[in-house]
C-alpha atoms as a PDB file:
ATOM      1  CA  UNK A   1    -133.543 -82.795 -42.848  1.00  0.00           C
ATOM      2  CA  UNK A   2    -133.419 -85.448 -45.502  1.00  0.00           C
ATOM      3  CA  UNK A   3    -130.082 -84.144 -46.674  1.00  0.00           C
ATOM      4  CA  UNK A   4    -128.713 -84.759 -43.139  1.00  0.00           C
ATOM      5  CA  UNK A   5    -130.324 -88.271 -42.954  1.00  0.00           C
ATOM      6  CA  UNK A   6    -129.019 -89.027 -46.283  1.00  0.00           C
ATOM      7  CA  UNK A   7    -125.543 -87.823 -45.300  1.00  0.00           C
ATOM      8  CA  UNK A   8    -125.555 -89.733 -41.969  1.00  0.00           C
ATOM      9  CA  UNK A   9    -126.455 -93.203 -43.869  1.00  0.00           C
ATOM     10  CA  UNK A  10    -123.784 -92.550 -46.463  1.00  0.00           C
ATOM     11  CA  UNK A  11    -121.084 -92.018 -43.963  1.00  0.00           C
ATOM     12  CA  UNK A  12    -122.444 -95.045 -41.853  1.00  0.00           C
ATOM     13  CA  UNK A  13    -122.225 -97.409 -44.966  1.00  0.00           C
ATOM     14  CA  UNK A  14    -119.026 -95.994 -46.138  1.00  0.00           C
ATOM     15  CA  UNK A  15    -117.438 -96.518 -42.839  1.00  0.00           C
ATOM     16  CA  UNK A  16    -118.779-100.082 -42.207  1.00  0.00           C
ATOM     17  CA  UNK A  17    -117.753-101.031 -45.762  1.00  0.00           C
ATOM     18  CA  UNK A  18    -114.079 -99.794 -45.219  1.00  0.00           C
ATOM     19  CA  UNK A  19    -113.966-101.801 -41.870  1.00  0.00           C
ATOM     20  CA  UNK A  20    -115.070-104.788 -43.260  1.00  0.00           C
ATOM     21  CA  UNK A  21    -112.582-104.587 -45.988  1.00  0.00           C
ATOM     22  CA  UNK A  22    -109.721-104.661 -43.285  1.00  0.00           C
ATOM     23  CA  UNK A  23    -107.956-107.968 -42.495  1.00  0.00           C
ATOM     24  CA  UNK A  24    -107.929-107.101 -38.535  1.00  0.00           C
ATOM     25  CA  UNK A  25    -110.557-108.847 -36.355  1.00  0.00           C
ATOM     26  CA  UNK A  26    -111.058-112.602 -35.704  1.00  0.00           C
ATOM     27  CA  UNK A  27    -110.655-115.279 -38.264  1.00  0.00           C
ATOM     28  CA  UNK A  28    -111.663-119.024 -38.336  1.00  0.00           C
ATOM     29  CA  UNK A  29    -108.795-121.026 -39.639  1.00  0.00           C
ATOM     30  CA  UNK A  30    -109.789-123.685 -42.017  1.00  0.00           C
ATOM     31  CA  UNK A  31    -107.273-126.573 -42.736  1.00  0.00           C
ATOM     32  CA  UNK A  32    -106.596-126.610 -46.613  1.00  0.00           C
ATOM     33  CA  UNK A  33    -106.447-130.493 -46.585  1.00  0.00           C
ATOM     34  CA  UNK A  34    -109.282-131.736 -44.345  1.00  0.00           C
ATOM     35  CA  UNK A  35    -111.478-128.764 -44.574  1.00  0.00           C
ATOM     36  CA  UNK A  36    -111.583-128.731 -40.693  1.00  0.00           C
ATOM     37  CA  UNK A  37    -112.285-125.628 -38.721  1.00  0.00           C
ATOM     38  CA  UNK A  38    -109.159-125.705 -36.310  1.00  0.00           C
ATOM     39  CA  UNK A  39    -108.945-122.407 -34.445  1.00  0.00           C
ATOM     40  CA  UNK A  40    -109.763-118.599 -34.227  1.00  0.00           C
ATOM     41  CA  UNK A  41    -106.862-116.251 -34.807  1.00  0.00           C
ATOM     42  CA  UNK A  42    -107.047-112.730 -33.938  1.00  0.00           C
ATOM     43  CA  UNK A  43    -105.283-110.493 -36.465  1.00  0.00           C
ATOM     44  CA  UNK A  44    -104.207-107.075 -35.116  1.00  0.00           C
ATOM     45  CA  UNK A  45    -102.189-104.119 -35.966  1.00  0.00           C
ATOM     46  CA  UNK A  46     -98.698-103.599 -33.937  1.00  0.00           C
ATOM     47  CA  UNK A  47     -96.174-101.035 -35.023  1.00  0.00           C
ATOM     48  CA  UNK A  48     -97.683-100.532 -38.508  1.00  0.00           C
ATOM     49  CA  UNK A  49     -97.915-104.229 -39.129  1.00  0.00           C
ATOM     50  CA  UNK A  50    -100.161-107.224 -39.058  1.00  0.00           C
ATOM     51  CA  UNK A  51     -99.708-109.874 -36.417  1.00  0.00           C
ATOM     52  CA  UNK A  52    -102.031-112.606 -35.476  1.00  0.00           C
ATOM     53  CA  UNK A  53    -102.426-114.851 -32.457  1.00  0.00           C
ATOM     54  CA  UNK A  54    -104.172-118.143 -31.495  1.00  0.00           C
ATOM     55  CA  UNK A  55    -107.173-117.087 -29.279  1.00  0.00           C
ATOM     56  CA  UNK A  56    -109.348-120.142 -29.482  1.00  0.00           C
ATOM     57  CA  UNK A  57    -108.701-123.812 -30.325  1.00  0.00           C
ATOM     58  CA  UNK A  58    -111.814-125.487 -31.620  1.00  0.00           C
ATOM     59  CA  UNK A  59    -110.919-129.079 -30.716  1.00  0.00           C
ATOM     60  CA  UNK A  60    -111.434-129.380 -26.860  1.00  0.00           C
ATOM     61  CA  UNK A  61    -108.739-132.366 -26.992  1.00  0.00           C
ATOM     62  CA  UNK A  62    -106.214-129.858 -28.281  1.00  0.00           C
ATOM     63  CA  UNK A  63    -106.613-126.852 -26.335  1.00  0.00           C
ATOM     64  CA  UNK A  64    -103.656-127.687 -23.972  1.00  0.00           C
ATOM     65  CA  UNK A  65    -101.314-128.565 -26.775  1.00  0.00           C
ATOM     66  CA  UNK A  66     -97.866-127.089 -26.951  1.00  0.00           C
ATOM     67  CA  UNK A  67     -95.601-126.214 -29.707  1.00  0.00           C
ATOM     68  CA  UNK A  68     -93.114-129.002 -29.167  1.00  0.00           C
ATOM     69  CA  UNK A  69     -91.535-128.775 -32.478  1.00  0.00           C
ATOM     70  CA  UNK A  70     -91.024-124.959 -32.632  1.00  0.00           C
ATOM     71  CA  UNK A  71     -87.515-123.254 -32.053  1.00  0.00           C
ATOM     72  CA  UNK A  72     -86.503-120.433 -30.129  1.00  0.00           C
ATOM     73  CA  UNK A  73     -88.775-118.464 -27.846  1.00  0.00           C
ATOM     74  CA  UNK A  74     -91.761-120.524 -29.100  1.00  0.00           C
ATOM     75  CA  UNK A  75     -90.203-123.986 -28.196  1.00  0.00           C
ATOM     76  CA  UNK A  76     -92.924-125.725 -25.851  1.00  0.00           C
ATOM     77  CA  UNK A  77     -94.782-122.797 -25.795  1.00  0.00           C
ATOM     78  CA  UNK A  78     -98.878-123.280 -25.509  1.00  0.00           C
ATOM     79  CA  UNK A  79    -100.437-123.127 -28.943  1.00  0.00           C
ATOM     80  CA  UNK A  80    -103.257-120.970 -27.269  1.00  0.00           C
ATOM     81  CA  UNK A  81    -102.077-117.649 -27.101  1.00  0.00           C
ATOM     82  CA  UNK A  82     -99.187-117.885 -29.613  1.00  0.00           C
ATOM     83  CA  UNK A  83     -98.408-115.313 -32.037  1.00  0.00           C
ATOM     84  CA  UNK A  84     -98.323-117.090 -35.553  1.00  0.00           C
ATOM     85  CA  UNK A  85     -98.495-114.399 -37.798  1.00  0.00           C
ATOM     86  CA  UNK A  86     -95.629-111.628 -37.541  1.00  0.00           C
ATOM     87  CA  UNK A  87     -94.501-108.445 -39.307  1.00  0.00           C
ATOM     88  CA  UNK A  88     -97.050-108.511 -42.243  1.00  0.00           C
ATOM     89  CA  UNK A  89     -96.807-105.195 -44.010  1.00  0.00           C
ATOM     90  CA  UNK A  90     -99.603-103.943 -46.111  1.00  0.00           C
ATOM     91  CA  UNK A  91     -98.701-103.537 -49.848  1.00  0.00           C
ATOM     92  CA  UNK A  92    -101.648-102.581 -52.133  1.00  0.00           C
ATOM     93  CA  UNK A  93    -104.286-105.181 -51.442  1.00  0.00           C
ATOM     94  CA  UNK A  94    -102.074-107.673 -49.804  1.00  0.00           C
ATOM     95  CA  UNK A  95     -99.889-107.996 -46.747  1.00  0.00           C
ATOM     96  CA  UNK A  96     -96.612-109.618 -47.204  1.00  0.00           C
ATOM     97  CA  UNK A  97     -92.977-109.428 -45.907  1.00  0.00           C
ATOM     98  CA  UNK A  98     -93.694-111.271 -42.619  1.00  0.00           C
ATOM     99  CA  UNK A  99     -93.972-115.002 -41.542  1.00  0.00           C
ATOM    100  CA  UNK A 100     -96.448-117.590 -40.355  1.00  0.00           C
ATOM    101  CA  UNK A 101     -95.672-120.660 -38.087  1.00  0.00           C
ATOM    102  CA  UNK A 102     -97.440-123.747 -38.249  1.00  0.00           C
ATOM    103  CA  UNK A 103     -97.861-124.674 -34.731  1.00  0.00           C
ATOM    104  CA  UNK A 104     -98.250-128.269 -35.727  1.00  0.00           C
ATOM    105  CA  UNK A 105     -94.989-128.667 -37.259  1.00  0.00           C
ATOM    106  CA  UNK A 106     -93.164-125.772 -35.687  1.00  0.00           C
ATOM    107  CA  UNK A 107     -92.146-124.705 -39.074  1.00  0.00           C
ATOM    108  CA  UNK A 108     -91.885-120.915 -40.070  1.00  0.00           C
ATOM    109  CA  UNK A 109     -92.753-119.797 -43.566  1.00  0.00           C
ATOM    110  CA  UNK A 110     -92.758-116.440 -45.597  1.00  0.00           C
ATOM    111  CA  UNK A 111     -96.526-115.228 -45.531  1.00  0.00           C
ATOM    112  CA  UNK A 112     -99.120-113.427 -47.793  1.00  0.00           C
ATOM    113  CA  UNK A 113    -102.612-112.494 -46.832  1.00  0.00           C
ATOM    114  CA  UNK A 114    -105.030-111.093 -48.906  1.00  0.00           C
ATOM    115  CA  UNK A 115    -108.923-110.558 -48.454  1.00  0.00           C
ATOM    116  CA  UNK A 116    -110.792-112.465 -51.326  1.00  0.00           C
ATOM    117  CA  UNK A 117    -113.957-110.805 -50.043  1.00  0.00           C
ATOM    118  CA  UNK A 118    -114.793-109.169 -46.683  1.00  0.00           C
ATOM    119  CA  UNK A 119    -115.318-112.597 -45.110  1.00  0.00           C
ATOM    120  CA  UNK A 120    -112.873-114.623 -46.722  1.00  0.00           C
ATOM    121  CA  UNK A 121    -109.156-114.129 -46.106  1.00  0.00           C
ATOM    122  CA  UNK A 122    -106.421-116.140 -48.296  1.00  0.00           C
ATOM    123  CA  UNK A 123    -103.412-116.843 -46.142  1.00  0.00           C
ATOM    124  CA  UNK A 124    -100.464-118.206 -48.064  1.00  0.00           C
ATOM    125  CA  UNK A 125     -97.197-119.729 -46.390  1.00  0.00           C
ATOM    126  CA  UNK A 126     -94.335-120.492 -48.559  1.00  0.00           C
ATOM    127  CA  UNK A 127     -90.532-120.929 -48.976  1.00  0.00           C
ATOM    128  CA  UNK A 128     -88.414-119.133 -51.145  1.00  0.00           C
ATOM    129  CA  UNK A 129     -91.150-117.623 -53.502  1.00  0.00           C
ATOM    130  CA  UNK A 130     -94.901-117.752 -53.466  1.00  0.00           C
ATOM    131  CA  UNK A 131     -95.366-120.334 -55.950  1.00  0.00           C
ATOM    132  CA  UNK A 132     -93.743-122.858 -53.695  1.00  0.00           C
ATOM    133  CA  UNK A 133     -96.468-122.924 -50.819  1.00  0.00           C
ATOM    134  CA  UNK A 134     -99.920-123.734 -49.550  1.00  0.00           C
ATOM    135  CA  UNK A 135    -102.941-121.433 -49.210  1.00  0.00           C
ATOM    136  CA  UNK A 136    -105.654-121.520 -46.789  1.00  0.00           C
ATOM    137  CA  UNK A 137    -109.161-119.572 -46.857  1.00  0.00           C
ATOM    138  CA  UNK A 138    -110.142-118.272 -43.237  1.00  0.00           C
ATOM    139  CA  UNK A 139    -113.667-117.301 -42.601  1.00  0.00           C
ATOM    140  CA  UNK A 140    -114.247-114.167 -40.622  1.00  0.00           C
ATOM    141  CA  UNK A 141    -115.723-114.984 -37.226  1.00  0.00           C
ATOM    142  CA  UNK A 142    -118.180-112.824 -35.504  1.00  0.00           C
END
């Protein structure tokens, strides 16, 4: 009986720890310049890669904003519901090879993501190589 309980607890905590180590789920985006929480982005798996879309905009005055500076299919698309992270592939502890769109400027950058800890995600957008860019630290949203 004690062995069964111990086995159950070990499996339970191992599974929960593994799940917590994934980037998938909802994240509160924090502006790297102002420190202001701006939105909730849900990161999900599609075709074996990580994608993320804006599922909530925290400033009520901006909830109906559109990506007026975006190009292509995202031009004038509502920011709420927009897929801003695309095609990120897991490579060791980081996700790379995809893009991130800044819906405020419409610019598209190469992207890197890596968990700093189970509740803090480093998201970096860059041009060319990763040293030429900006990082934001997003907080897991429950």
